[in-house]
Protein backbone atom coordinates (compact mmCIF):
# COMPACT_ATOMS: atom_id res chain seq x y z
CA MET A 1 -31.72 -15.25 26.85
CA HIS A 2 -33.02 -15.05 23.33
CA PHE A 3 -32.35 -11.30 23.35
CA ASP A 4 -28.65 -11.87 24.09
CA TYR A 5 -28.33 -14.23 21.16
CA GLU A 6 -29.95 -11.72 18.80
CA LEU A 7 -27.66 -8.98 20.09
CA SER A 8 -24.56 -11.11 19.50
CA GLN A 9 -25.78 -11.92 15.97
CA ILE A 10 -26.23 -8.21 15.24
CA ARG A 11 -22.77 -7.40 16.60
CA ASN A 12 -21.22 -10.20 14.59
CA ALA A 13 -22.90 -9.01 11.40
CA GLU A 14 -21.71 -5.45 12.03
CA LEU A 15 -18.13 -6.60 12.61
CA LEU A 16 -18.24 -8.56 9.36
CA ARG A 17 -19.54 -5.49 7.48
CA GLN A 18 -16.78 -3.32 8.95
CA ALA A 19 -14.12 -5.88 8.01
CA GLU A 20 -15.44 -6.03 4.45
CA GLN A 21 -15.43 -2.23 4.15
CA GLU A 22 -11.84 -2.07 5.42
CA ARG A 23 -10.79 -4.80 2.99
CA LEU A 24 -12.38 -2.95 0.07
CA ALA A 25 -10.70 0.31 1.14
CA ARG A 26 -7.31 -1.46 1.25
CA GLU A 27 -7.90 -2.85 -2.24
CA VAL A 28 -8.79 0.61 -3.56
CA ARG A 29 -5.65 2.12 -2.02
CA ARG A 30 -3.53 -0.72 -3.41
CA GLY A 31 -5.02 -0.18 -6.87
CA ARG A 32 -4.40 3.56 -6.76
CA ARG A 33 -0.78 3.03 -5.69
CA ALA A 34 -0.28 0.52 -8.50
CA ALA A 35 -1.76 2.95 -11.03
CA ARG A 36 0.51 5.76 -9.81
CA ARG A 37 3.50 3.42 -9.93
CA GLU A 38 2.69 2.35 -13.51
CA ALA A 39 2.21 5.98 -14.55
CA ALA A 40 5.55 6.93 -12.99
CA GLU A 41 7.31 4.03 -14.72
CA GLY A 42 5.80 5.06 -18.04
CA THR A 43 7.23 8.57 -17.74
CA ALA A 44 10.62 7.51 -16.35
CA ASP A 45 13.70 7.85 -18.54
CA GLY A 46 14.34 4.60 -20.37
CA GLY A 47 11.69 2.84 -18.29
CA THR A 48 13.96 2.46 -15.25
CA SER A 49 12.16 1.84 -12.00
CA GLN A 50 12.13 4.69 -9.49
CA ALA A 51 11.22 2.45 -6.56
CA PHE A 52 13.45 2.38 -3.51
CA GLY A 53 15.81 -0.54 -3.20
CA THR A 54 15.60 -1.60 -6.84
CA GLY A 55 18.91 -0.15 -7.93
CA GLY A 56 17.30 2.58 -9.99
CA GLU A 57 18.64 6.09 -10.17
CA SER A 58 17.23 9.01 -8.24
CA HIS A 59 15.50 12.03 -9.76
CA THR A 60 18.88 13.78 -10.05
CA GLY A 61 20.28 11.09 -12.32
CA ARG A 62 23.00 10.17 -9.82
CA PRO A 63 23.06 6.67 -8.36
CA TRP A 64 21.73 6.45 -4.81
CA ARG A 65 24.17 5.77 -1.98
CA GLN A 66 24.20 6.10 1.78
CA ARG A 67 25.93 9.25 2.96
CA PHE A 68 27.38 7.84 6.17
CA LEU A 69 28.40 4.38 7.26
CA ARG A 70 26.20 2.85 9.90
CA THR A 71 27.81 2.30 13.26
CA ALA A 72 27.57 -1.06 14.95
């Protein structure tokens, strides 16, 4: 009986370690994306945002628009 309790404690600790590692990896990826985004904004013409859906222009300088209407 005592052995089962110890085993569950070990499993629980391992799951917590894995969750912490995944959280840290997500934070690192988020930070890298933010750094790339800031670097791209710094090199953009006039500081306009190149992100999708923000109304910015594309890399060709033409405003973005859908090519075809969506059917219902």
